[in-house]
Amino acid sequence: MAEDLVEGGTDQLGEKIGVFGGTFDPVHNGHCILASQFKQQCGLDSVVVIPAAIPPHKLSSPLAEFEQRYTMLSLAFAGIQNVFISRLEQFRKGPSFTIDTLCELKNAIDGKQQLFFAIGADALAEIHTWKQYRNIPNLACLVVFSRKFGSIPLPEKIAGKAFPDYYFAKDNRSFFAKNEEKIRLLGMPPVDISSSRIKQAIATGEKWQDLVPKAVCAYIVDHHLYK
């Protein structure tokens, strides 16, 4: 529902809106860097961060409660201008599919606003398993961030295979269809952090505190999460 998008309503989001989804279990410094790079490199007016309620690709993995993950995101991005945390997926029944979220977002904004959806190259490599994945770039420009991703093929090869009807403009590293940008490939500083690594470190008593924002670290300790 539109009222679940962001606190205070959609009028504050501007015309170019970034969408950054994930489980954020927990949110870490790499997420904060990606959100900043997303906003800066795409010239966005705002970034809406959407924690998944029931991530379809992690149904067998235990998660911190939605409210805990939402609170940690609020702490991580507190005071950062034009970054909003959304409860959009909290009350949806069933898995949190990206295509459904983007459809709801489209219905919540007016026709003049543009959506940009951020994913990593590792997620792009799995996009062919997503629900109605070929419709995603019709709802939002897919912004792919390349990081250190080991044996994963180059993003342009993955995108070209997943979306064979698009043509690649090498000058600006974008894929187009009928002169409309559908996929944009961007770089970001390599960040060797993952939520799974943090949870493992907490469980085994290794050092992890510097991998998350200070307020998030305090929250995890105070609430005895991931032990």
C-alpha atoms as a PDB file:
ATOM      1  CA  MET A   1       0.000   0.000   0.000  1.00  0.00           C
ATOM      2  CA  ALA A   2       1.206   3.530  -0.755  1.00  0.00           C
ATOM      3  CA  GLU A   3       1.023   4.601   2.885  1.00  0.00           C
ATOM      4  CA  ASP A   4       3.497   1.837   3.779  1.00  0.00           C
ATOM      5  CA  LEU A   5       6.147   3.166   1.397  1.00  0.00           C
ATOM      6  CA  VAL A   6       7.937   5.742   3.579  1.00  0.00           C
ATOM      7  CA  GLU A   7       7.047   7.670   6.703  1.00  0.00           C
ATOM      8  CA  GLY A   8       5.916  11.150   5.708  1.00  0.00           C
ATOM      9  CA  GLY A   9       4.658  10.200   2.247  1.00  0.00           C
ATOM     10  CA  THR A  10       6.077  10.009  -1.273  1.00  0.00           C
ATOM     11  CA  ASP A  11       6.154  13.745  -2.035  1.00  0.00           C
ATOM     12  CA  GLN A  12       9.554  14.054  -0.330  1.00  0.00           C
ATOM     13  CA  LEU A  13      11.234  11.487  -2.586  1.00  0.00           C
ATOM     14  CA  GLY A  14      11.849  13.694  -5.624  1.00  0.00           C
ATOM     15  CA  GLU A  15      11.813  12.624  -9.260  1.00  0.00           C
ATOM     16  CA  LYS A  16      14.714  10.131  -9.339  1.00  0.00           C
ATOM     17  CA  ILE A  17      14.161   7.463  -6.700  1.00  0.00           C
ATOM     18  CA  GLY A  18      16.610   4.697  -5.897  1.00  0.00           C
ATOM     19  CA  VAL A  19      15.325   1.392  -4.542  1.00  0.00           C
ATOM     20  CA  PHE A  20      17.695  -0.723  -2.457  1.00  0.00           C
ATOM     21  CA  GLY A  21      16.302  -4.044  -1.219  1.00  0.00           C
ATOM     22  CA  GLY A  22      17.694  -6.965   0.728  1.00  0.00           C
ATOM     23  CA  THR A  23      17.435  -8.962   3.931  1.00  0.00           C
ATOM     24  CA  PHE A  24      19.902  -6.677   5.781  1.00  0.00           C
ATOM     25  CA  ASP A  25      20.477  -9.358   8.403  1.00  0.00           C
ATOM     26  CA  PRO A  26      22.304  -7.393   9.682  1.00  0.00           C
ATOM     27  CA  VAL A  27      22.898  -4.161   7.778  1.00  0.00           C
ATOM     28  CA  HIS A  28      26.643  -3.491   7.543  1.00  0.00           C
ATOM     29  CA  ASN A  29      29.144  -0.904   6.319  1.00  0.00           C
ATOM     30  CA  GLY A  30      29.116  -2.365   2.808  1.00  0.00           C
ATOM     31  CA  HIS A  31      25.397  -1.643   2.521  1.00  0.00           C
ATOM     32  CA  CYS A  32      25.990   1.944   3.621  1.00  0.00           C
ATOM     33  CA  ILE A  33      28.749   2.401   1.050  1.00  0.00           C
ATOM     34  CA  LEU A  34      26.575   0.946  -1.722  1.00  0.00           C
ATOM     35  CA  ALA A  35      23.645   3.223  -0.831  1.00  0.00           C
ATOM     36  CA  SER A  36      25.951   6.244  -0.934  1.00  0.00           C
ATOM     37  CA  GLN A  37      27.492   5.216  -4.269  1.00  0.00           C
ATOM     38  CA  PHE A  38      24.029   4.473  -5.668  1.00  0.00           C
ATOM     39  CA  LYS A  39      22.754   7.937  -4.812  1.00  0.00           C
ATOM     40  CA  GLN A  40      25.900   9.714  -5.993  1.00  0.00           C
ATOM     41  CA  GLN A  41      26.618   7.865  -9.250  1.00  0.00           C
ATOM     42  CA  CYS A  42      22.985   7.875 -10.425  1.00  0.00           C
ATOM     43  CA  GLY A  43      22.269  11.450  -9.329  1.00  0.00           C
ATOM     44  CA  LEU A  44      19.283  10.327  -7.283  1.00  0.00           C
ATOM     45  CA  ASP A  45      17.006  12.586  -5.273  1.00  0.00           C
ATOM     46  CA  SER A  46      16.420   9.851  -2.697  1.00  0.00           C
ATOM     47  CA  VAL A  47      17.081   6.212  -1.858  1.00  0.00           C
ATOM     48  CA  VAL A  48      14.362   3.986  -0.400  1.00  0.00           C
ATOM     49  CA  VAL A  49      15.791   1.027   1.526  1.00  0.00           C
ATOM     50  CA  ILE A  50      13.351  -1.903   1.674  1.00  0.00           C
ATOM     51  CA  PRO A  51      14.059  -4.846   3.982  1.00  0.00           C
ATOM     52  CA  ALA A  52      12.480  -8.085   2.779  1.00  0.00           C
ATOM     53  CA  ALA A  53       9.903  -9.643   5.057  1.00  0.00           C
ATOM     54  CA  ILE A  54      10.195 -13.161   3.602  1.00  0.00           C
ATOM     55  CA  PRO A  55      13.110 -13.340   1.108  1.00  0.00           C
ATOM     56  CA  PRO A  56      12.209 -16.045  -1.453  1.00  0.00           C
ATOM     57  CA  HIS A  57      15.811 -17.234  -1.915  1.00  0.00           C
ATOM     58  CA  LYS A  58      16.454 -17.602   1.820  1.00  0.00           C
ATOM     59  CA  LEU A  59      13.323 -19.373   3.010  1.00  0.00           C
ATOM     60  CA  SER A  60      15.343 -22.050   4.829  1.00  0.00           C
ATOM     61  CA  SER A  61      17.616 -19.569   6.640  1.00  0.00           C
ATOM     62  CA  PRO A  62      16.621 -18.144  10.028  1.00  0.00           C
ATOM     63  CA  LEU A  63      16.381 -14.348  10.075  1.00  0.00           C
ATOM     64  CA  ALA A  64      16.273 -11.719  12.760  1.00  0.00           C
ATOM     65  CA  GLU A  65      12.728 -10.420  13.159  1.00  0.00           C
ATOM     66  CA  PHE A  66      11.584  -7.819  10.632  1.00  0.00           C
ATOM     67  CA  GLU A  67      11.262  -5.140  13.326  1.00  0.00           C
ATOM     68  CA  GLN A  68      14.840  -5.777  14.471  1.00  0.00           C
ATOM     69  CA  ARG A  69      16.209  -5.489  10.940  1.00  0.00           C
ATOM     70  CA  TYR A  70      14.107  -2.380  10.311  1.00  0.00           C
ATOM     71  CA  THR A  71      15.428  -0.792  13.515  1.00  0.00           C
ATOM     72  CA  MET A  72      19.044  -1.586  12.605  1.00  0.00           C
ATOM     73  CA  LEU A  73      18.536   0.031   9.189  1.00  0.00           C
ATOM     74  CA  SER A  74      17.046   3.109  10.853  1.00  0.00           C
ATOM     75  CA  LEU A  75      20.113   3.323  13.104  1.00  0.00           C
ATOM     76  CA  ALA A  76      22.546   2.789  10.230  1.00  0.00           C
ATOM     77  CA  PHE A  77      21.075   5.568   8.079  1.00  0.00           C
ATOM     78  CA  ALA A  78      20.008   7.955  10.842  1.00  0.00           C
ATOM     79  CA  GLY A  79      20.869  11.530   9.940  1.00  0.00           C
ATOM     80  CA  ILE A  80      21.750  10.695   6.324  1.00  0.00           C
ATOM     81  CA  GLN A  81      19.730  13.022   4.141  1.00  0.00           C
ATOM     82  CA  ASN A  82      17.222  11.599   1.665  1.00  0.00           C
ATOM     83  CA  VAL A  83      17.685   7.937   2.609  1.00  0.00           C
ATOM     84  CA  PHE A  84      14.375   6.429   3.761  1.00  0.00           C
ATOM     85  CA  ILE A  85      13.620   3.043   5.309  1.00  0.00           C
ATOM     86  CA  SER A  86      10.398   1.430   4.084  1.00  0.00           C
ATOM     87  CA  ARG A  87       7.980  -1.066   5.639  1.00  0.00           C
ATOM     88  CA  LEU A  88       6.484  -1.835   2.224  1.00  0.00           C
ATOM     89  CA  GLU A  89       7.084  -5.592   2.416  1.00  0.00           C
ATOM     90  CA  GLN A  90       6.323  -6.054   6.126  1.00  0.00           C
ATOM     91  CA  PHE A  91       2.640  -6.925   5.857  1.00  0.00           C
ATOM     92  CA  ARG A  92       2.631  -8.656   2.496  1.00  0.00           C
ATOM     93  CA  LYS A  93       1.533 -12.286   2.560  1.00  0.00           C
ATOM     94  CA  GLY A  94       3.995 -14.778   1.139  1.00  0.00           C
ATOM     95  CA  PRO A  95       7.545 -14.268  -0.180  1.00  0.00           C
ATOM     96  CA  SER A  96       8.861 -10.763  -0.930  1.00  0.00           C
ATOM     97  CA  PHE A  97       9.273 -10.861  -4.706  1.00  0.00           C
ATOM     98  CA  THR A  98      11.030  -7.887  -6.315  1.00  0.00           C
ATOM     99  CA  ILE A  99       8.529  -7.659  -9.165  1.00  0.00           C
ATOM    100  CA  ASP A 100       5.640  -7.253  -6.689  1.00  0.00           C
ATOM    101  CA  THR A 101       7.484  -4.587  -4.713  1.00  0.00           C
ATOM    102  CA  LEU A 102       8.292  -2.556  -7.826  1.00  0.00           C
ATOM    103  CA  CYS A 103       4.668  -2.785  -9.003  1.00  0.00           C
ATOM    104  CA  GLU A 104       3.533  -1.406  -5.635  1.00  0.00           C
ATOM    105  CA  LEU A 105       6.103   1.367  -5.850  1.00  0.00           C
ATOM    106  CA  LYS A 106       4.942   2.309  -9.347  1.00  0.00           C
ATOM    107  CA  ASN A 107       1.384   2.559  -8.057  1.00  0.00           C
ATOM    108  CA  ALA A 108       2.513   4.731  -5.133  1.00  0.00           C
ATOM    109  CA  ILE A 109       4.293   7.393  -7.208  1.00  0.00           C
ATOM    110  CA  ASP A 110       3.254   9.560 -10.130  1.00  0.00           C
ATOM    111  CA  GLY A 111       4.206   9.038 -13.750  1.00  0.00           C
ATOM    112  CA  LYS A 112       6.934  11.700 -13.711  1.00  0.00           C
ATOM    113  CA  GLN A 113       9.091   9.894 -11.156  1.00  0.00           C
ATOM    114  CA  GLN A 114      11.765   7.395 -12.219  1.00  0.00           C
ATOM    115  CA  LEU A 115      12.750   4.283 -10.299  1.00  0.00           C
ATOM    116  CA  PHE A 116      16.260   2.830 -10.178  1.00  0.00           C
ATOM    117  CA  PHE A 117      16.758  -0.595  -8.593  1.00  0.00           C
ATOM    118  CA  ALA A 118      20.197  -1.482  -7.194  1.00  0.00           C
ATOM    119  CA  ILE A 119      21.640  -4.991  -7.152  1.00  0.00           C
ATOM    120  CA  GLY A 120      25.118  -6.480  -7.008  1.00  0.00           C
ATOM    121  CA  ALA A 121      26.696  -8.450  -9.826  1.00  0.00           C
ATOM    122  CA  ASP A 122      26.321 -11.601  -7.703  1.00  0.00           C
ATOM    123  CA  ALA A 123      22.540 -11.065  -7.564  1.00  0.00           C
ATOM    124  CA  LEU A 124      22.447 -10.356 -11.306  1.00  0.00           C
ATOM    125  CA  ALA A 125      23.989 -13.787 -11.881  1.00  0.00           C
ATOM    126  CA  GLU A 126      20.896 -15.309 -10.215  1.00  0.00           C
ATOM    127  CA  ILE A 127      18.273 -12.980 -11.707  1.00  0.00           C
ATOM    128  CA  HIS A 128      17.048 -15.638 -14.137  1.00  0.00           C
ATOM    129  CA  THR A 129      15.593 -17.443 -11.088  1.00  0.00           C
ATOM    130  CA  TRP A 130      13.569 -14.393  -9.973  1.00  0.00           C
ATOM    131  CA  LYS A 131       9.821 -14.137 -10.500  1.00  0.00           C
ATOM    132  CA  GLN A 132       9.011 -12.422 -13.839  1.00  0.00           C
ATOM    133  CA  TYR A 133      12.565 -11.102 -13.968  1.00  0.00           C
ATOM    134  CA  ARG A 134      12.332  -9.851 -17.548  1.00  0.00           C
ATOM    135  CA  ASN A 135       9.645  -7.357 -16.514  1.00  0.00           C
ATOM    136  CA  ILE A 136      11.803  -5.789 -13.791  1.00  0.00           C
ATOM    137  CA  PRO A 137      13.659  -3.325 -16.092  1.00  0.00           C
ATOM    138  CA  ASN A 138      10.276  -2.160 -17.422  1.00  0.00           C
ATOM    139  CA  LEU A 139       9.424  -0.920 -13.932  1.00  0.00           C
ATOM    140  CA  ALA A 140      12.816   0.397 -12.848  1.00  0.00           C
ATOM    141  CA  CYS A 141      16.220   0.878 -14.433  1.00  0.00           C
ATOM    142  CA  LEU A 142      18.328  -1.998 -13.126  1.00  0.00           C
ATOM    143  CA  VAL A 143      21.561  -0.586 -11.643  1.00  0.00           C
ATOM    144  CA  VAL A 144      24.217  -3.277 -11.292  1.00  0.00           C
ATOM    145  CA  PHE A 145      27.203  -2.674  -9.031  1.00  0.00           C
ATOM    146  CA  SER A 146      30.359  -4.671  -9.717  1.00  0.00           C
ATOM    147  CA  ARG A 147      32.423  -5.723  -6.717  1.00  0.00           C
ATOM    148  CA  LYS A 148      34.934  -8.496  -6.035  1.00  0.00           C
ATOM    149  CA  PHE A 149      32.837 -11.458  -7.048  1.00  0.00           C
ATOM    150  CA  GLY A 150      35.315 -14.273  -7.742  1.00  0.00           C
ATOM    151  CA  SER A 151      34.237 -16.594 -10.526  1.00  0.00           C
ATOM    152  CA  ILE A 152      31.051 -14.711 -11.470  1.00  0.00           C
ATOM    153  CA  PRO A 153      31.175 -13.693 -15.184  1.00  0.00           C
ATOM    154  CA  LEU A 154      31.345 -10.052 -16.227  1.00  0.00           C
ATOM    155  CA  PRO A 155      28.058  -8.204 -15.596  1.00  0.00           C
ATOM    156  CA  GLU A 156      27.614  -7.270 -19.248  1.00  0.00           C
ATOM    157  CA  LYS A 157      27.766 -10.950 -20.217  1.00  0.00           C
ATOM    158  CA  ILE A 158      25.219 -11.909 -17.555  1.00  0.00           C
ATOM    159  CA  ALA A 159      22.895  -9.053 -18.518  1.00  0.00           C
ATOM    160  CA  GLY A 160      23.197  -9.817 -22.216  1.00  0.00           C
ATOM    161  CA  LYS A 161      22.245 -13.440 -21.636  1.00  0.00           C
ATOM    162  CA  ALA A 162      19.370 -12.675 -19.252  1.00  0.00           C
ATOM    163  CA  PHE A 163      17.963  -9.867 -21.431  1.00  0.00           C
ATOM    164  CA  PRO A 164      18.793 -10.819 -25.048  1.00  0.00           C
ATOM    165  CA  ASP A 165      16.420  -8.235 -26.542  1.00  0.00           C
ATOM    166  CA  TYR A 166      18.445  -5.286 -25.176  1.00  0.00           C
ATOM    167  CA  TYR A 167      21.376  -3.697 -26.985  1.00  0.00           C
ATOM    168  CA  PHE A 168      24.584  -2.676 -25.247  1.00  0.00           C
ATOM    169  CA  ALA A 169      25.936   0.869 -25.599  1.00  0.00           C
ATOM    170  CA  LYS A 170      29.598   0.460 -24.652  1.00  0.00           C
ATOM    171  CA  ASP A 171      30.255   4.190 -24.310  1.00  0.00           C
ATOM    172  CA  ASN A 172      28.107   4.523 -21.204  1.00  0.00           C
ATOM    173  CA  ARG A 173      27.950   0.881 -20.037  1.00  0.00           C
ATOM    174  CA  SER A 174      24.182   0.693 -20.351  1.00  0.00           C
ATOM    175  CA  PHE A 175      21.685  -1.633 -22.001  1.00  0.00           C
ATOM    176  CA  PHE A 176      18.832  -0.082 -23.937  1.00  0.00           C
ATOM    177  CA  ALA A 177      15.560  -1.119 -25.526  1.00  0.00           C
ATOM    178  CA  LYS A 178      13.862   1.295 -27.951  1.00  0.00           C
ATOM    179  CA  ASN A 179      16.185   4.126 -26.802  1.00  0.00           C
ATOM    180  CA  GLU A 180      15.177   3.651 -23.155  1.00  0.00           C
ATOM    181  CA  GLU A 181      17.855   2.771 -20.617  1.00  0.00           C
ATOM    182  CA  LYS A 182      17.022  -0.555 -18.971  1.00  0.00           C
ATOM    183  CA  ILE A 183      20.254  -1.612 -17.255  1.00  0.00           C
ATOM    184  CA  ARG A 184      23.159   0.499 -16.020  1.00  0.00           C
ATOM    185  CA  LEU A 185      26.496  -1.073 -15.015  1.00  0.00           C
ATOM    186  CA  LEU A 186      28.458   0.791 -12.353  1.00  0.00           C
ATOM    187  CA  GLY A 187      31.553   0.141 -10.277  1.00  0.00           C
ATOM    188  CA  MET A 188      32.080   0.568  -6.559  1.00  0.00           C
ATOM    189  CA  PRO A 189      35.036   0.205  -4.201  1.00  0.00           C
ATOM    190  CA  PRO A 190      35.630  -3.455  -3.300  1.00  0.00           C
ATOM    191  CA  VAL A 191      34.139  -4.147   0.135  1.00  0.00           C
ATOM    192  CA  ASP A 192      34.924  -7.513   1.706  1.00  0.00           C
ATOM    193  CA  ILE A 193      31.935  -7.624   4.071  1.00  0.00           C
ATOM    194  CA  SER A 194      28.876  -9.846   4.154  1.00  0.00           C
ATOM    195  CA  SER A 195      26.047 -10.363   6.615  1.00  0.00           C
ATOM    196  CA  SER A 196      26.784 -14.088   6.779  1.00  0.00           C
ATOM    197  CA  ARG A 197      30.401 -13.387   7.684  1.00  0.00           C
ATOM    198  CA  ILE A 198      29.283 -11.054  10.492  1.00  0.00           C
ATOM    199  CA  LYS A 199      26.846 -13.603  11.902  1.00  0.00           C
ATOM    200  CA  GLN A 200      29.484 -16.317  11.810  1.00  0.00           C
ATOM    201  CA  ALA A 201      31.978 -14.064  13.576  1.00  0.00           C
ATOM    202  CA  ILE A 202      29.448 -13.234  16.307  1.00  0.00           C
ATOM    203  CA  ALA A 203      28.603 -16.912  16.791  1.00  0.00           C
ATOM    204  CA  THR A 204      32.266 -17.948  17.058  1.00  0.00           C
ATOM    205  CA  GLY A 205      33.471 -15.011  19.140  1.00  0.00           C
ATOM    206  CA  GLU A 206      35.627 -13.433  16.411  1.00  0.00           C
ATOM    207  CA  LYS A 207      36.024  -9.684  15.868  1.00  0.00           C
ATOM    208  CA  TRP A 208      33.147  -8.142  13.895  1.00  0.00           C
ATOM    209  CA  GLN A 209      32.378  -4.812  15.551  1.00  0.00           C
ATOM    210  CA  ASP A 210      34.146  -2.674  12.917  1.00  0.00           C
ATOM    211  CA  LEU A 211      32.062  -4.171  10.082  1.00  0.00           C
ATOM    212  CA  VAL A 212      28.824  -2.421  11.074  1.00  0.00           C
ATOM    213  CA  PRO A 213      27.891   1.155  12.057  1.00  0.00           C
ATOM    214  CA  LYS A 214      28.484   1.849  15.766  1.00  0.00           C
ATOM    215  CA  ALA A 215      24.792   2.209  16.585  1.00  0.00           C
ATOM    216  CA  VAL A 216      24.050  -1.115  14.881  1.00  0.00           C
ATOM    217  CA  CYS A 217      26.869  -2.774  16.812  1.00  0.00           C
ATOM    218  CA  ALA A 218      25.386  -1.537  20.098  1.00  0.00           C
ATOM    219  CA  TYR A 219      21.932  -2.783  19.105  1.00  0.00           C
ATOM    220  CA  ILE A 220      23.219  -6.260  18.231  1.00  0.00           C
ATOM    221  CA  VAL A 221      25.077  -6.496  21.549  1.00  0.00           C
ATOM    222  CA  ASP A 222      22.164  -5.147  23.609  1.00  0.00           C
ATOM    223  CA  HIS A 223      19.673  -7.551  22.035  1.00  0.00           C
ATOM    224  CA  HIS A 224      22.015 -10.583  21.971  1.00  0.00           C
ATOM    225  CA  LEU A 225      21.446 -11.150  18.264  1.00  0.00           C
ATOM    226  CA  TYR A 226      23.079 -13.914  16.189  1.00  0.00           C
ATOM    227  CA  LYS A 227      24.532 -15.843  19.126  1.00  0.00           C
END
